[in-house]
Amino acid sequence: MAPSPSGMAVIAGIALFVFAGYQTLRYRDMLKLTQEEFERMPAQIIVEVLLAAVLCMWGSLQLAGSFKPISALANQE
């Protein structure tokens, strides 16, 4: 059975999170070697984390199926 596109998006998002974490560790090690202070994360890592979050959210919402409407009146009866 072939995985669905939404399942692949979740897997890609998780892989991108792991890769961004690895890049962050390498960046911190590079700062220690060059004896520079940490000011902020590189823009590439921030973009990767945001893209991974979007992929995981979109894939999870697609895997969950359609939403059902919430009726406030049904809870009051």
N, C-alpha and C. Protein backbone atom coordinates (compact mmCIF):
# COMPACT_ATOMS: atom_id res chain seq x y z
N MET A 1 0.84 -1.18 0.00
CA MET A 1 0.00 0.00 0.00
C MET A 1 0.89 1.24 0.00
N ALA A 2 0.63 2.13 -0.91
CA ALA A 2 1.43 3.35 -1.04
C ALA A 2 0.99 4.38 0.00
N PRO A 3 1.95 5.08 0.61
CA PRO A 3 1.58 6.09 1.60
C PRO A 3 0.88 7.28 0.94
N SER A 4 -0.01 7.89 1.68
CA SER A 4 -0.76 9.04 1.15
C SER A 4 0.13 10.28 1.12
N PRO A 5 -0.22 11.26 0.29
CA PRO A 5 0.58 12.49 0.26
C PRO A 5 0.61 13.21 1.61
N SER A 6 -0.49 13.15 2.36
CA SER A 6 -0.50 13.81 3.66
C SER A 6 0.40 13.07 4.65
N GLY A 7 0.45 11.76 4.56
CA GLY A 7 1.37 10.99 5.41
C GLY A 7 2.82 11.28 5.07
N MET A 8 3.08 11.43 3.79
CA MET A 8 4.44 11.78 3.35
C MET A 8 4.81 13.19 3.82
N ALA A 9 3.83 14.10 3.87
CA ALA A 9 4.10 15.46 4.35
C ALA A 9 4.48 15.44 5.82
N VAL A 10 3.80 14.60 6.61
CA VAL A 10 4.13 14.49 8.03
C VAL A 10 5.53 13.92 8.21
N ILE A 11 5.85 12.89 7.44
CA ILE A 11 7.18 12.29 7.53
C ILE A 11 8.26 13.29 7.11
N ALA A 12 7.99 14.03 6.03
CA ALA A 12 8.95 15.04 5.57
C ALA A 12 9.11 16.15 6.60
N GLY A 13 8.01 16.55 7.25
CA GLY A 13 8.08 17.58 8.28
C GLY A 13 8.91 17.13 9.48
N ILE A 14 8.72 15.89 9.90
CA ILE A 14 9.50 15.36 11.03
C ILE A 14 10.97 15.27 10.65
N ALA A 15 11.24 14.81 9.44
CA ALA A 15 12.64 14.72 8.98
C ALA A 15 13.28 16.10 8.92
N LEU A 16 12.50 17.10 8.50
CA LEU A 16 13.02 18.46 8.43
C LEU A 16 13.27 19.03 9.82
N PHE A 17 12.42 18.69 10.79
CA PHE A 17 12.67 19.09 12.18
C PHE A 17 13.98 18.49 12.69
N VAL A 18 14.19 17.21 12.41
CA VAL A 18 15.42 16.54 12.86
C VAL A 18 16.64 17.18 12.19
N PHE A 19 16.53 17.47 10.91
CA PHE A 19 17.64 18.08 10.19
C PHE A 19 17.94 19.49 10.72
N ALA A 20 16.89 20.26 11.02
CA ALA A 20 17.10 21.60 11.57
C ALA A 20 17.76 21.52 12.95
N GLY A 21 17.39 20.54 13.73
CA GLY A 21 18.04 20.34 15.03
C GLY A 21 19.51 19.99 14.87
N TYR A 22 19.81 19.14 13.91
CA TYR A 22 21.20 18.78 13.64
C TYR A 22 22.00 20.00 13.19
N GLN A 23 21.40 20.81 12.31
CA GLN A 23 22.09 22.01 11.87
C GLN A 23 22.31 22.99 13.02
N THR A 24 21.37 23.05 13.94
CA THR A 24 21.53 23.93 15.10
C THR A 24 22.70 23.47 15.95
N LEU A 25 22.81 22.17 16.17
CA LEU A 25 23.95 21.64 16.94
C LEU A 25 25.27 21.95 16.25
N ARG A 26 25.33 21.79 14.95
CA ARG A 26 26.55 22.10 14.21
C ARG A 26 26.87 23.59 14.29
N TYR A 27 25.84 24.44 14.24
CA TYR A 27 26.05 25.88 14.32
C TYR A 27 26.62 26.27 15.69
N ARG A 28 26.07 25.66 16.74
CA ARG A 28 26.56 25.96 18.09
C ARG A 28 28.00 25.48 18.27
N ASP A 29 28.33 24.31 17.71
CA ASP A 29 29.71 23.82 17.77
C ASP A 29 30.67 24.74 17.02
N MET A 30 30.21 25.25 15.87
CA MET A 30 31.04 26.17 15.09
C MET A 30 31.29 27.46 15.88
N LEU A 31 30.28 27.92 16.60
CA LEU A 31 30.46 29.12 17.42
C LEU A 31 31.46 28.88 18.54
N LYS A 32 31.44 27.69 19.13
CA LYS A 32 32.39 27.37 20.19
C LYS A 32 33.82 27.32 19.65
N LEU A 33 33.98 26.75 18.46
CA LEU A 33 35.32 26.64 17.86
C LEU A 33 35.89 28.01 17.50
N THR A 34 35.04 28.90 17.00
CA THR A 34 35.51 30.23 16.61
C THR A 34 35.46 31.22 17.77
N GLN A 35 34.96 30.77 18.93
CA GLN A 35 34.85 31.59 20.14
C GLN A 35 34.03 32.86 19.91
N GLU A 36 32.95 32.70 19.16
CA GLU A 36 32.01 33.80 18.94
C GLU A 36 30.84 33.62 19.88
N GLU A 37 30.15 34.72 20.16
CA GLU A 37 28.96 34.66 21.01
C GLU A 37 27.74 34.35 20.16
N PHE A 38 26.80 33.69 20.80
CA PHE A 38 25.53 33.37 20.13
C PHE A 38 24.65 34.61 20.15
N GLU A 39 24.27 35.09 18.97
CA GLU A 39 23.39 36.25 18.88
C GLU A 39 21.98 35.84 18.50
N ARG A 40 21.87 35.10 17.41
CA ARG A 40 20.56 34.60 16.98
C ARG A 40 20.76 33.45 16.01
N MET A 41 19.70 32.72 15.77
CA MET A 41 19.76 31.58 14.86
C MET A 41 19.88 32.08 13.43
N PRO A 42 20.56 31.33 12.57
CA PRO A 42 20.61 31.69 11.16
C PRO A 42 19.21 31.61 10.53
N ALA A 43 18.98 32.44 9.56
CA ALA A 43 17.66 32.50 8.91
C ALA A 43 17.29 31.17 8.26
N GLN A 44 18.27 30.45 7.75
CA GLN A 44 17.99 29.17 7.09
C GLN A 44 17.35 28.18 8.06
N ILE A 45 17.84 28.13 9.28
CA ILE A 45 17.30 27.20 10.27
C ILE A 45 15.89 27.62 10.67
N ILE A 46 15.66 28.90 10.81
CA ILE A 46 14.32 29.39 11.15
C ILE A 46 13.33 29.04 10.06
N VAL A 47 13.71 29.22 8.80
CA VAL A 47 12.83 28.88 7.67
C VAL A 47 12.56 27.38 7.64
N GLU A 48 13.57 26.57 7.91
CA GLU A 48 13.38 25.12 7.92
C GLU A 48 12.40 24.70 9.01
N VAL A 49 12.51 25.29 10.18
CA VAL A 49 11.59 24.94 11.28
C VAL A 49 10.16 25.36 10.93
N LEU A 50 10.00 26.54 10.36
CA LEU A 50 8.66 26.99 9.97
C LEU A 50 8.06 26.10 8.89
N LEU A 51 8.87 25.73 7.90
CA LEU A 51 8.39 24.85 6.84
C LEU A 51 8.03 23.46 7.40
N ALA A 52 8.84 22.96 8.31
CA ALA A 52 8.55 21.66 8.93
C ALA A 52 7.25 21.72 9.72
N ALA A 53 7.01 22.82 10.42
CA ALA A 53 5.77 22.97 11.19
C ALA A 53 4.56 23.01 10.27
N VAL A 54 4.67 23.72 9.16
CA VAL A 54 3.56 23.79 8.20
C VAL A 54 3.29 22.42 7.59
N LEU A 55 4.34 21.71 7.21
CA LEU A 55 4.16 20.37 6.63
C LEU A 55 3.50 19.42 7.63
N CYS A 56 3.94 19.45 8.87
CA CYS A 56 3.36 18.56 9.88
C CYS A 56 1.91 18.92 10.18
N MET A 57 1.62 20.21 10.28
CA MET A 57 0.23 20.61 10.55
C MET A 57 -0.69 20.26 9.40
N TRP A 58 -0.27 20.55 8.16
CA TRP A 58 -1.11 20.26 7.00
C TRP A 58 -1.33 18.75 6.88
N GLY A 59 -0.27 17.98 7.00
CA GLY A 59 -0.40 16.54 6.88
C GLY A 59 -1.28 15.94 7.97
N SER A 60 -1.14 16.44 9.19
CA SER A 60 -1.96 15.93 10.30
C SER A 60 -3.43 16.26 10.10
N LEU A 61 -3.69 17.47 9.64
CA LEU A 61 -5.09 17.86 9.41
C LEU A 61 -5.71 17.04 8.28
N GLN A 62 -4.93 16.74 7.25
CA GLN A 62 -5.46 15.94 6.15
C GLN A 62 -5.66 14.48 6.57
N LEU A 63 -4.80 13.95 7.42
CA LEU A 63 -4.95 12.58 7.89
C LEU A 63 -6.14 12.42 8.82
N ALA A 64 -6.46 13.48 9.56
CA ALA A 64 -7.54 13.41 10.53
C ALA A 64 -8.91 13.29 9.86
N GLY A 65 -9.03 13.72 8.62
CA GLY A 65 -10.32 13.67 7.94
C GLY A 65 -11.06 14.98 8.07
N SER A 66 -12.33 14.95 7.73
CA SER A 66 -13.12 16.19 7.74
C SER A 66 -13.58 16.50 9.16
N PHE A 67 -13.71 17.77 9.42
CA PHE A 67 -14.17 18.23 10.72
C PHE A 67 -15.69 18.19 10.78
N LYS A 68 -16.23 17.97 11.96
CA LYS A 68 -17.67 18.00 12.16
C LYS A 68 -18.02 19.31 12.83
N PRO A 69 -19.16 19.90 12.49
CA PRO A 69 -19.53 21.17 13.09
C PRO A 69 -19.82 21.01 14.58
N ILE A 70 -19.54 22.04 15.33
CA ILE A 70 -19.78 22.06 16.76
C ILE A 70 -21.06 22.84 16.99
N SER A 71 -22.00 22.23 17.64
CA SER A 71 -23.26 22.89 17.91
C SER A 71 -23.34 23.19 19.40
N ALA A 72 -23.46 24.46 19.73
CA ALA A 72 -23.55 24.87 21.13
C ALA A 72 -24.90 24.49 21.71
N LEU A 73 -25.92 24.42 20.89
CA LEU A 73 -27.25 24.08 21.38
C LEU A 73 -27.37 22.62 21.78
N ALA A 74 -26.62 21.74 21.16
CA ALA A 74 -26.70 20.31 21.46
C ALA A 74 -26.20 20.03 22.87
N ASN A 75 -25.26 20.80 23.37
CA ASN A 75 -24.72 20.59 24.72
C ASN A 75 -25.65 21.12 25.81
N GLN A 76 -26.56 22.04 25.48
CA GLN A 76 -27.43 22.65 26.48
C GLN A 76 -28.67 21.81 26.75
N GLU A 77 -29.00 20.91 25.88
CA GLU A 77 -30.24 20.13 26.07
C GLU A 77 -30.09 18.99 27.04
